[in-house]
Amino acid sequence: MSKRDLSAVGRFADRMREKLRENEHKPHWADCSPTWLLDRLFDEANELRDELRDSQDAGAVARECADVANFAMMIADVVGGLPGVTQDVVECADCVRWTARIKLLEARLDSIVSTATR
């Protein structure tokens, strides 16, 4: 897999996470049937088709793509196709905390460097 491929997958996963965060107020998908989730996936695919037809907004298209992908992921999770999700959640939460700390340190370092180079 090329670096470009890895980068695209990472950026797309970020879009998926953004969409999930926007909908955190809704009930969790674990209690949904795969058939209901599939119906929602089709609804989202129709929204994606409409966005492609009616819009030139690449960001809006990407958000609709993330919606479709999220419902596919939810189906995979509900049917048991994502073993180890519970452990992944713990590890992911740790990664999020460390990523936030690293970004904070990077910002501080940038500030120090810019001050030193003035």
C-alpha atoms as a PDB file:
ATOM      1  CA  MET A   1       0.000   0.000   0.000  1.00  0.00           C
ATOM      2  CA  SER A   2       1.394   3.364  -0.986  1.00  0.00           C
ATOM      3  CA  LYS A   3       1.877   6.321   1.344  1.00  0.00           C
ATOM      4  CA  ARG A   4      -0.851   8.137  -0.589  1.00  0.00           C
ATOM      5  CA  ASP A   5      -3.240   5.224   0.025  1.00  0.00           C
ATOM      6  CA  LEU A   6      -2.427   5.168   3.737  1.00  0.00           C
ATOM      7  CA  SER A   7      -2.874   8.916   3.945  1.00  0.00           C
ATOM      8  CA  ALA A   8      -6.254   8.779   2.195  1.00  0.00           C
ATOM      9  CA  VAL A   9      -7.458   5.985   4.481  1.00  0.00           C
ATOM     10  CA  GLY A  10      -6.359   7.945   7.534  1.00  0.00           C
ATOM     11  CA  ARG A  11      -8.069  11.146   6.393  1.00  0.00           C
ATOM     12  CA  PHE A  12     -11.231   9.229   5.516  1.00  0.00           C
ATOM     13  CA  ALA A  13     -11.229   7.532   8.933  1.00  0.00           C
ATOM     14  CA  ASP A  14     -11.004  11.031  10.440  1.00  0.00           C
ATOM     15  CA  ARG A  15     -14.153  12.008   8.483  1.00  0.00           C
ATOM     16  CA  MET A  16     -15.891   8.884   9.770  1.00  0.00           C
ATOM     17  CA  ARG A  17     -14.970   9.785  13.352  1.00  0.00           C
ATOM     18  CA  GLU A  18     -16.222  13.357  12.851  1.00  0.00           C
ATOM     19  CA  LYS A  19     -19.598  12.075  11.654  1.00  0.00           C
ATOM     20  CA  LEU A  20     -19.824   9.649  14.583  1.00  0.00           C
ATOM     21  CA  ARG A  21     -19.057  12.473  17.025  1.00  0.00           C
ATOM     22  CA  GLU A  22     -21.777  14.635  15.453  1.00  0.00           C
ATOM     23  CA  ASN A  23     -24.272  11.860  16.177  1.00  0.00           C
ATOM     24  CA  GLU A  24     -23.167  10.860  19.683  1.00  0.00           C
ATOM     25  CA  HIS A  25     -26.510  12.087  21.026  1.00  0.00           C
ATOM     26  CA  LYS A  26     -28.296   9.256  19.174  1.00  0.00           C
ATOM     27  CA  PRO A  27     -28.725   5.711  20.543  1.00  0.00           C
ATOM     28  CA  HIS A  28     -25.772   3.364  19.982  1.00  0.00           C
ATOM     29  CA  TRP A  29     -25.890   1.062  16.961  1.00  0.00           C
ATOM     30  CA  ALA A  30     -25.179  -2.046  19.053  1.00  0.00           C
ATOM     31  CA  ASP A  31     -28.908  -2.293  19.753  1.00  0.00           C
ATOM     32  CA  CYS A  32     -29.878  -2.029  16.055  1.00  0.00           C
ATOM     33  CA  SER A  33     -30.584  -4.944  13.758  1.00  0.00           C
ATOM     34  CA  PRO A  34     -28.273  -5.452  10.766  1.00  0.00           C
ATOM     35  CA  THR A  35     -31.307  -5.114   8.478  1.00  0.00           C
ATOM     36  CA  TRP A  36     -32.266  -1.737   9.955  1.00  0.00           C
ATOM     37  CA  LEU A  37     -28.658  -0.567   9.637  1.00  0.00           C
ATOM     38  CA  LEU A  38     -28.594  -1.735   6.006  1.00  0.00           C
ATOM     39  CA  ASP A  39     -31.755   0.247   5.291  1.00  0.00           C
ATOM     40  CA  ARG A  40     -30.044   3.306   6.793  1.00  0.00           C
ATOM     41  CA  LEU A  41     -26.948   2.610   4.689  1.00  0.00           C
ATOM     42  CA  PHE A  42     -29.155   2.684   1.572  1.00  0.00           C
ATOM     43  CA  ASP A  43     -30.714   5.956   2.777  1.00  0.00           C
ATOM     44  CA  GLU A  44     -27.236   7.418   3.174  1.00  0.00           C
ATOM     45  CA  ALA A  45     -26.187   6.089  -0.247  1.00  0.00           C
ATOM     46  CA  ASN A  46     -29.171   7.918  -1.748  1.00  0.00           C
ATOM     47  CA  GLU A  47     -28.108  11.100   0.053  1.00  0.00           C
ATOM     48  CA  LEU A  48     -24.615  10.607  -1.379  1.00  0.00           C
ATOM     49  CA  ARG A  49     -26.054  10.196  -4.888  1.00  0.00           C
ATOM     50  CA  ASP A  50     -28.075  13.388  -4.443  1.00  0.00           C
ATOM     51  CA  GLU A  51     -25.026  15.270  -3.167  1.00  0.00           C
ATOM     52  CA  LEU A  52     -22.968  14.111  -6.145  1.00  0.00           C
ATOM     53  CA  ARG A  53     -25.710  15.143  -8.547  1.00  0.00           C
ATOM     54  CA  ASP A  54     -26.590  18.485  -6.968  1.00  0.00           C
ATOM     55  CA  SER A  55     -23.400  19.807  -5.411  1.00  0.00           C
ATOM     56  CA  GLN A  56     -19.867  20.715  -6.294  1.00  0.00           C
ATOM     57  CA  ASP A  57     -18.901  20.746  -2.613  1.00  0.00           C
ATOM     58  CA  ALA A  58     -16.181  18.126  -2.145  1.00  0.00           C
ATOM     59  CA  GLY A  59     -16.460  18.384   1.641  1.00  0.00           C
ATOM     60  CA  ALA A  60     -20.192  17.646   1.576  1.00  0.00           C
ATOM     61  CA  VAL A  61     -19.600  14.651  -0.700  1.00  0.00           C
ATOM     62  CA  ALA A  62     -16.873  13.368   1.634  1.00  0.00           C
ATOM     63  CA  ARG A  63     -19.207  13.705   4.641  1.00  0.00           C
ATOM     64  CA  GLU A  64     -21.892  11.670   2.861  1.00  0.00           C
ATOM     65  CA  CYS A  65     -19.271   9.060   1.940  1.00  0.00           C
ATOM     66  CA  ALA A  66     -18.317   8.869   5.623  1.00  0.00           C
ATOM     67  CA  ASP A  67     -21.978   8.338   6.559  1.00  0.00           C
ATOM     68  CA  VAL A  68     -22.213   5.400   4.146  1.00  0.00           C
ATOM     69  CA  ALA A  69     -18.959   3.929   5.458  1.00  0.00           C
ATOM     70  CA  ASN A  70     -20.056   4.340   9.077  1.00  0.00           C
ATOM     71  CA  PHE A  71     -23.213   2.336   8.483  1.00  0.00           C
ATOM     72  CA  ALA A  72     -21.170  -0.393   6.773  1.00  0.00           C
ATOM     73  CA  MET A  73     -18.870  -0.436   9.827  1.00  0.00           C
ATOM     74  CA  MET A  74     -21.866  -0.607  12.177  1.00  0.00           C
ATOM     75  CA  ILE A  75     -23.222  -3.636  10.313  1.00  0.00           C
ATOM     76  CA  ALA A  76     -19.838  -5.352  10.514  1.00  0.00           C
ATOM     77  CA  ASP A  77     -19.748  -4.638  14.247  1.00  0.00           C
ATOM     78  CA  VAL A  78     -23.305  -5.816  14.990  1.00  0.00           C
ATOM     79  CA  VAL A  79     -22.858  -9.132  13.162  1.00  0.00           C
ATOM     80  CA  GLY A  80     -19.629  -9.811  15.072  1.00  0.00           C
ATOM     81  CA  GLY A  81     -17.260  -9.151  12.204  1.00  0.00           C
ATOM     82  CA  LEU A  82     -15.052  -6.830  14.247  1.00  0.00           C
ATOM     83  CA  PRO A  83     -13.709  -9.074  17.020  1.00  0.00           C
ATOM     84  CA  GLY A  84     -11.795  -7.394  19.794  1.00  0.00           C
ATOM     85  CA  VAL A  85     -13.684  -4.100  19.486  1.00  0.00           C
ATOM     86  CA  THR A  86     -13.888  -3.714  23.269  1.00  0.00           C
ATOM     87  CA  GLN A  87     -10.097  -3.845  23.654  1.00  0.00           C
ATOM     88  CA  ASP A  88      -9.661  -1.620  20.609  1.00  0.00           C
ATOM     89  CA  VAL A  89     -11.894   1.001  22.234  1.00  0.00           C
ATOM     90  CA  VAL A  90      -9.663   1.111  25.305  1.00  0.00           C
ATOM     91  CA  GLU A  91      -6.536   1.310  23.163  1.00  0.00           C
ATOM     92  CA  CYS A  92      -8.136   3.917  20.868  1.00  0.00           C
ATOM     93  CA  ALA A  93      -9.074   6.095  23.841  1.00  0.00           C
ATOM     94  CA  ASP A  94      -5.459   5.916  25.000  1.00  0.00           C
ATOM     95  CA  CYS A  95      -4.312   6.859  21.490  1.00  0.00           C
ATOM     96  CA  VAL A  96      -6.667   9.836  21.404  1.00  0.00           C
ATOM     97  CA  ARG A  97      -5.312  11.102  24.719  1.00  0.00           C
ATOM     98  CA  TRP A  98      -1.706  10.672  23.578  1.00  0.00           C
ATOM     99  CA  THR A  99      -2.425  12.266  20.200  1.00  0.00           C
ATOM    100  CA  ALA A 100      -3.923  15.303  21.944  1.00  0.00           C
ATOM    101  CA  ARG A 101      -0.861  15.559  24.193  1.00  0.00           C
ATOM    102  CA  ILE A 102       1.491  15.281  21.215  1.00  0.00           C
ATOM    103  CA  LYS A 103      -0.399  18.011  19.334  1.00  0.00           C
ATOM    104  CA  LEU A 104      -0.190  20.268  22.372  1.00  0.00           C
ATOM    105  CA  LEU A 105       3.564  19.667  22.653  1.00  0.00           C
ATOM    106  CA  GLU A 106       4.006  20.291  18.910  1.00  0.00           C
ATOM    107  CA  ALA A 107       2.167  23.609  19.239  1.00  0.00           C
ATOM    108  CA  ARG A 108       4.363  24.608  22.180  1.00  0.00           C
ATOM    109  CA  LEU A 109       7.476  23.617  20.258  1.00  0.00           C
ATOM    110  CA  ASP A 110       6.353  25.640  17.216  1.00  0.00           C
ATOM    111  CA  SER A 111       5.807  28.635  19.482  1.00  0.00           C
ATOM    112  CA  ILE A 112       9.270  28.271  21.015  1.00  0.00           C
ATOM    113  CA  VAL A 113      10.921  27.896  17.612  1.00  0.00           C
ATOM    114  CA  SER A 114       9.109  30.907  16.142  1.00  0.00           C
ATOM    115  CA  THR A 115      10.057  33.009  19.171  1.00  0.00           C
ATOM    116  CA  ALA A 116      13.686  31.904  18.953  1.00  0.00           C
ATOM    117  CA  THR A 117      13.943  32.664  15.222  1.00  0.00           C
ATOM    118  CA  ARG A 118      12.580  36.236  15.425  1.00  0.00           C
END
